[in-house]
């Protein structure tokens, strides 16, 4: 076990130091941060990709290292949450003033299944579309879907698939989106609230990119609003998923499945 832990820390250290040496890359108003490079490099340094071709990496990155890395991510996100909490305190009065807006944005969770379920069915998913399309599919969603359907069920496979895709691709996507969103013309604090989707890594990537391109006077507030929004997405988002989003997704799936799903699929809930 010690060997596997050492391998994880060694590889993570090499990737982190290398990405920090590269530093931030500014392309016009689009900012690319070391976190993005780290995710991309880490994605390739896996047994399924580069690890199969490079023997030394293959020996150091096995399924055990991958499992340990996943557990360590959760630990690091706790530390990240503590750091981001320091941005909330100094801006608490402004956050309280925007309180209703934070609550209202949580109803955006219902938009996910409206768009995602038909798309998932078109791509060939069946009941997996319920798990994949009912939410952003982060840790809270895994718990809810796993408890109701079982993580080995089609619904569980759907939410787990989106969770893994979000972990790998989502951080890169949100990091770029944070910079590009400034061209929408929306207020920086509205964009900051949109960064808090319920994922610590995605929120950090988006907020960091956004803070780098907005007026400097909004920089700290961007992190404060993004952190608060992310926290609320984790708390209220679970309740909305359980009582609104998931039941709606079930109903929506039953309506759409006869038109989009494969004909041999039974659509009983």
Protein backbone atom coordinates (compact mmCIF):
# COMPACT_ATOMS: atom_id res chain seq x y z
CA UNK A 1 0.00 0.00 0.00
CA UNK A 2 2.84 2.42 0.85
CA UNK A 3 4.32 1.86 -2.61
CA UNK A 4 1.03 2.79 -4.30
CA UNK A 5 0.63 5.92 -2.15
CA UNK A 6 4.20 7.00 -2.93
CA UNK A 7 3.54 6.48 -6.64
CA UNK A 8 0.47 8.71 -6.49
CA UNK A 9 2.30 11.50 -4.65
CA UNK A 10 5.30 11.28 -6.99
CA UNK A 11 3.24 11.51 -10.17
CA UNK A 12 1.00 14.26 -8.77
CA UNK A 13 4.06 16.24 -7.65
CA UNK A 14 5.73 15.97 -11.06
CA UNK A 15 2.55 17.06 -12.86
CA UNK A 16 1.87 19.90 -10.40
CA UNK A 17 5.40 21.32 -10.51
CA UNK A 18 5.50 21.10 -14.29
CA UNK A 19 2.15 22.87 -14.68
CA UNK A 20 3.09 25.58 -12.17
CA UNK A 21 6.31 26.22 -14.11
CA UNK A 22 4.22 26.74 -17.25
CA UNK A 23 2.00 29.16 -15.33
CA UNK A 24 -1.06 31.02 -16.59
CA UNK A 25 -1.41 31.42 -20.33
CA UNK A 26 -3.37 34.47 -21.47
CA UNK A 27 -4.89 34.34 -24.96
CA UNK A 28 -6.69 37.64 -25.39
CA UNK A 29 -9.31 37.61 -22.63
CA UNK A 30 -9.19 33.83 -22.29
CA UNK A 31 -7.07 32.65 -19.36
CA UNK A 32 -5.75 29.10 -19.13
CA UNK A 33 -4.60 28.00 -15.67
CA UNK A 34 -2.21 25.25 -14.47
CA UNK A 35 -5.19 23.31 -13.14
CA UNK A 36 -6.37 22.76 -16.72
CA UNK A 37 -3.01 21.43 -17.87
CA UNK A 38 -2.84 19.16 -14.84
CA UNK A 39 -6.22 17.58 -15.62
CA UNK A 40 -5.28 16.99 -19.26
CA UNK A 41 -1.85 15.53 -18.42
CA UNK A 42 -3.34 13.39 -15.65
CA UNK A 43 -5.95 12.08 -18.08
CA UNK A 44 -3.23 10.82 -20.41
CA UNK A 45 -1.12 9.35 -17.60
CA UNK A 46 -3.58 6.49 -17.06
CA UNK A 47 -3.37 2.75 -17.72
CA UNK A 48 -5.90 3.05 -20.55
CA UNK A 49 -3.94 5.67 -22.50
CA UNK A 50 -0.27 6.59 -22.24
CA UNK A 51 0.39 4.06 -19.49
CA UNK A 52 0.04 1.14 -21.90
CA UNK A 53 2.77 2.49 -24.14
CA UNK A 54 5.31 3.65 -21.56
CA UNK A 55 6.36 0.78 -19.30
CA UNK A 56 7.59 2.94 -16.40
CA UNK A 57 4.32 4.83 -16.24
CA UNK A 58 2.36 1.60 -16.62
CA UNK A 59 4.14 0.14 -13.60
CA UNK A 60 3.48 3.26 -11.50
CA UNK A 61 -0.13 3.88 -12.52
CA UNK A 62 -2.24 0.80 -11.88
CA UNK A 63 -5.87 0.42 -10.83
CA UNK A 64 -4.78 0.71 -7.18
CA UNK A 65 -3.15 4.11 -7.81
CA UNK A 66 -6.25 5.23 -9.67
CA UNK A 67 -8.45 4.25 -6.73
CA UNK A 68 -6.22 6.01 -4.21
CA UNK A 69 -6.13 9.14 -6.37
CA UNK A 70 -9.92 9.28 -6.41
CA UNK A 71 -10.08 9.14 -2.61
CA UNK A 72 -7.39 11.81 -2.29
CA UNK A 73 -9.32 14.15 -4.57
CA UNK A 74 -12.15 14.26 -2.02
CA UNK A 75 -9.67 15.11 0.75
CA UNK A 76 -8.12 17.91 -1.30
CA UNK A 77 -11.57 19.32 -2.08
CA UNK A 78 -12.21 19.67 1.66
CA UNK A 79 -9.09 21.83 1.95
CA UNK A 80 -10.17 23.78 -1.10
CA UNK A 81 -13.55 24.41 0.51
CA UNK A 82 -11.85 25.86 3.60
CA UNK A 83 -9.77 28.22 1.49
CA UNK A 84 -12.76 29.37 -0.54
CA UNK A 85 -14.67 29.97 2.67
CA UNK A 86 -12.21 32.76 3.48
CA UNK A 87 -13.57 34.70 0.51
CA UNK A 88 -17.14 34.47 1.79
CA UNK A 89 -16.60 36.12 5.18
CA UNK A 90 -15.39 39.55 3.99
CA UNK A 91 -18.21 39.71 1.43
CA UNK A 92 -21.01 38.30 3.60
CA UNK A 93 -23.07 41.52 3.52
CA UNK A 94 -23.15 41.55 -0.29
CA UNK A 95 -23.99 37.84 -0.34
CA UNK A 96 -26.93 38.34 2.02
CA UNK A 97 -28.25 41.10 -0.24
CA UNK A 98 -28.19 38.69 -3.17
CA UNK A 99 -29.79 35.90 -1.14
CA UNK A 100 -33.01 35.42 -3.17
CA UNK A 101 -31.00 35.21 -6.38
CA UNK A 102 -28.91 32.36 -4.96
CA UNK A 103 -32.05 30.39 -4.08
CA UNK A 104 -33.78 31.13 -7.39
CA UNK A 105 -30.85 29.87 -9.45
CA UNK A 106 -31.23 26.40 -7.94
CA UNK A 107 -34.35 25.86 -10.03
CA UNK A 108 -31.99 25.78 -12.98
CA UNK A 109 -31.49 22.11 -12.03
CA UNK A 110 -34.80 21.38 -13.79
CA UNK A 111 -33.34 22.64 -17.07
CA UNK A 112 -30.80 19.79 -17.13
CA UNK A 113 -33.27 16.94 -17.82
CA UNK A 114 -35.24 19.03 -20.34
CA UNK A 115 -32.15 19.24 -22.54
CA UNK A 116 -30.17 16.14 -21.52
CA UNK A 117 -32.82 13.39 -21.57
CA UNK A 118 -33.85 13.77 -25.25
CA UNK A 119 -30.18 14.04 -26.23
CA UNK A 120 -29.28 10.92 -24.21
CA UNK A 121 -32.11 8.95 -25.81
CA UNK A 122 -31.03 10.08 -29.27
CA UNK A 123 -27.50 8.86 -28.51
CA UNK A 124 -28.81 5.38 -27.66
CA UNK A 125 -29.15 5.50 -23.87
CA UNK A 126 -32.29 4.06 -22.33
CA UNK A 127 -32.97 4.20 -18.58
CA UNK A 128 -29.38 5.37 -18.20
CA UNK A 129 -30.78 8.71 -19.41
CA UNK A 130 -32.58 9.14 -16.07
CA UNK A 131 -29.37 8.95 -14.07
CA UNK A 132 -27.32 10.87 -16.61
CA UNK A 133 -29.83 13.64 -17.27
CA UNK A 134 -31.49 14.36 -13.92
CA UNK A 135 -28.70 16.62 -12.59
CA UNK A 136 -25.05 17.61 -12.96
CA UNK A 137 -24.17 14.16 -11.60
CA UNK A 138 -21.74 15.02 -8.83
CA UNK A 139 -21.27 13.33 -5.44
CA UNK A 140 -24.74 14.19 -4.10
CA UNK A 141 -26.39 12.87 -7.26
CA UNK A 142 -24.41 9.63 -7.01
CA UNK A 143 -25.78 9.16 -3.49
CA UNK A 144 -29.39 9.87 -4.43
CA UNK A 145 -29.42 7.78 -7.61
CA UNK A 146 -27.45 4.98 -5.97
CA UNK A 147 -29.84 4.85 -3.01
CA UNK A 148 -33.00 4.83 -5.13
CA UNK A 149 -32.00 2.59 -8.03
CA UNK A 150 -28.70 1.00 -7.01
CA UNK A 151 -25.36 2.07 -8.42
CA UNK A 152 -25.22 -1.08 -10.62
CA UNK A 153 -28.59 -0.31 -12.21
CA UNK A 154 -28.94 1.38 -15.62
CA UNK A 155 -29.73 4.64 -13.83
CA UNK A 156 -26.65 4.19 -11.66
CA UNK A 157 -24.50 3.56 -14.73
CA UNK A 158 -25.85 6.75 -16.27
CA UNK A 159 -25.04 9.00 -13.32
CA UNK A 160 -21.64 7.34 -12.82
CA UNK A 161 -20.74 7.81 -16.48
CA UNK A 162 -21.53 11.52 -16.39
CA UNK A 163 -19.71 11.85 -13.06
CA UNK A 164 -16.52 10.40 -14.54
CA UNK A 165 -16.84 12.46 -17.72
CA UNK A 166 -17.39 15.60 -15.65
CA UNK A 167 -14.34 14.90 -13.54
CA UNK A 168 -12.09 14.57 -16.59
CA UNK A 169 -13.65 16.87 -19.19
CA UNK A 170 -15.78 19.17 -17.03
CA UNK A 171 -12.88 20.93 -15.31
CA UNK A 172 -11.23 21.75 -18.64
CA UNK A 173 -14.53 22.90 -20.15
CA UNK A 174 -15.46 25.09 -17.18
CA UNK A 175 -11.98 26.59 -17.04
CA UNK A 176 -12.29 27.84 -20.60
CA UNK A 177 -15.96 28.76 -20.19
CA UNK A 178 -15.12 31.04 -17.25
CA UNK A 179 -13.03 33.25 -19.52
CA UNK A 180 -15.33 33.14 -22.53
CA UNK A 181 -18.48 33.91 -20.49
CA UNK A 182 -17.36 37.49 -19.94
CA UNK A 183 -18.28 38.20 -23.58
CA UNK A 184 -21.93 37.46 -22.78
CA UNK A 185 -22.30 40.96 -21.34
CA UNK A 186 -23.77 39.63 -18.08
CA UNK A 187 -22.70 41.17 -14.77
CA UNK A 188 -19.51 39.58 -13.35
CA UNK A 189 -21.30 38.59 -10.13
CA UNK A 190 -24.09 36.87 -12.07
CA UNK A 191 -21.42 34.90 -13.92
CA UNK A 192 -19.71 34.16 -10.59
CA UNK A 193 -22.94 32.64 -9.25
CA UNK A 194 -23.17 30.50 -12.39
CA UNK A 195 -19.72 29.05 -11.60
CA UNK A 196 -21.09 27.29 -8.51
CA UNK A 197 -22.69 24.25 -10.08
CA UNK A 198 -22.03 21.88 -7.20
CA UNK A 199 -18.54 20.72 -8.14
CA UNK A 200 -15.51 22.08 -6.28
CA UNK A 201 -13.06 21.46 -9.12
CA UNK A 202 -15.33 22.83 -11.86
CA UNK A 203 -16.24 25.87 -9.77
CA UNK A 204 -12.59 26.63 -8.99
CA UNK A 205 -11.58 26.36 -12.64
CA UNK A 206 -14.42 28.59 -13.82
CA UNK A 207 -14.08 31.19 -11.04
CA UNK A 208 -10.31 31.43 -11.43
CA UNK A 209 -10.62 32.08 -15.15
CA UNK A 210 -13.46 34.55 -14.64
CA UNK A 211 -11.64 36.48 -11.89
CA UNK A 212 -8.62 36.86 -14.19
CA UNK A 213 -10.57 38.66 -16.93
CA UNK A 214 -13.14 40.79 -15.07
CA UNK A 215 -12.60 44.19 -13.47
CA UNK A 216 -10.09 43.67 -10.58
CA UNK A 217 -12.54 45.20 -8.09
CA UNK A 218 -14.78 42.14 -8.59
CA UNK A 219 -12.03 39.53 -8.26
CA UNK A 220 -12.56 38.61 -4.58
CA UNK A 221 -16.33 38.88 -4.92
CA UNK A 222 -16.24 36.44 -7.83
CA UNK A 223 -14.78 33.75 -5.56
CA UNK A 224 -17.17 34.65 -2.73
CA UNK A 225 -20.26 34.40 -4.92
CA UNK A 226 -19.02 31.28 -6.69
CA UNK A 227 -18.22 29.55 -3.37
CA UNK A 228 -21.59 30.43 -1.84
CA UNK A 229 -23.42 29.35 -4.97
CA UNK A 230 -21.49 26.08 -5.01
CA UNK A 231 -22.34 25.41 -1.38
CA UNK A 232 -26.03 26.07 -1.97
CA UNK A 233 -25.99 23.87 -5.06
CA UNK A 234 -24.78 21.05 -2.85
CA UNK A 235 -27.37 21.67 -0.10
CA UNK A 236 -30.55 22.81 -1.83
CA UNK A 237 -29.63 20.99 -5.03
CA UNK A 238 -30.08 17.62 -3.30
CA UNK A 239 -33.60 18.51 -2.19
CA UNK A 240 -34.53 19.80 -5.62
CA UNK A 241 -33.13 16.60 -7.16
CA UNK A 242 -35.10 14.36 -4.78
CA UNK A 243 -38.44 16.20 -4.84
CA UNK A 244 -38.51 17.97 -8.22
CA UNK A 245 -35.80 17.13 -10.74
CA UNK A 246 -35.71 13.31 -10.43
CA UNK A 247 -39.53 12.79 -10.40
CA UNK A 248 -39.76 15.14 -13.37
CA UNK A 249 -37.01 13.21 -15.18
CA UNK A 250 -38.86 9.93 -14.60
CA UNK A 251 -42.08 11.39 -16.01
CA UNK A 252 -40.25 13.07 -18.89
CA UNK A 253 -38.44 9.84 -19.75
CA UNK A 254 -41.71 7.90 -19.94
CA UNK A 255 -43.14 10.50 -22.32
CA UNK A 256 -40.11 10.57 -24.60
CA UNK A 257 -38.92 6.95 -24.50
CA UNK A 258 -41.57 5.57 -26.91
CA UNK A 259 -40.40 8.09 -29.52
CA UNK A 260 -36.63 8.07 -28.97
CA UNK A 261 -35.58 4.88 -27.17
CA UNK A 262 -34.92 1.51 -28.80
CA UNK A 263 -38.14 -0.36 -29.51
CA UNK A 264 -37.18 -3.41 -27.42
CA UNK A 265 -36.78 -1.37 -24.23
CA UNK A 266 -39.43 -1.62 -21.54
CA UNK A 267 -40.06 1.85 -20.10
CA UNK A 268 -41.68 0.84 -16.82
CA UNK A 269 -40.30 2.78 -13.85
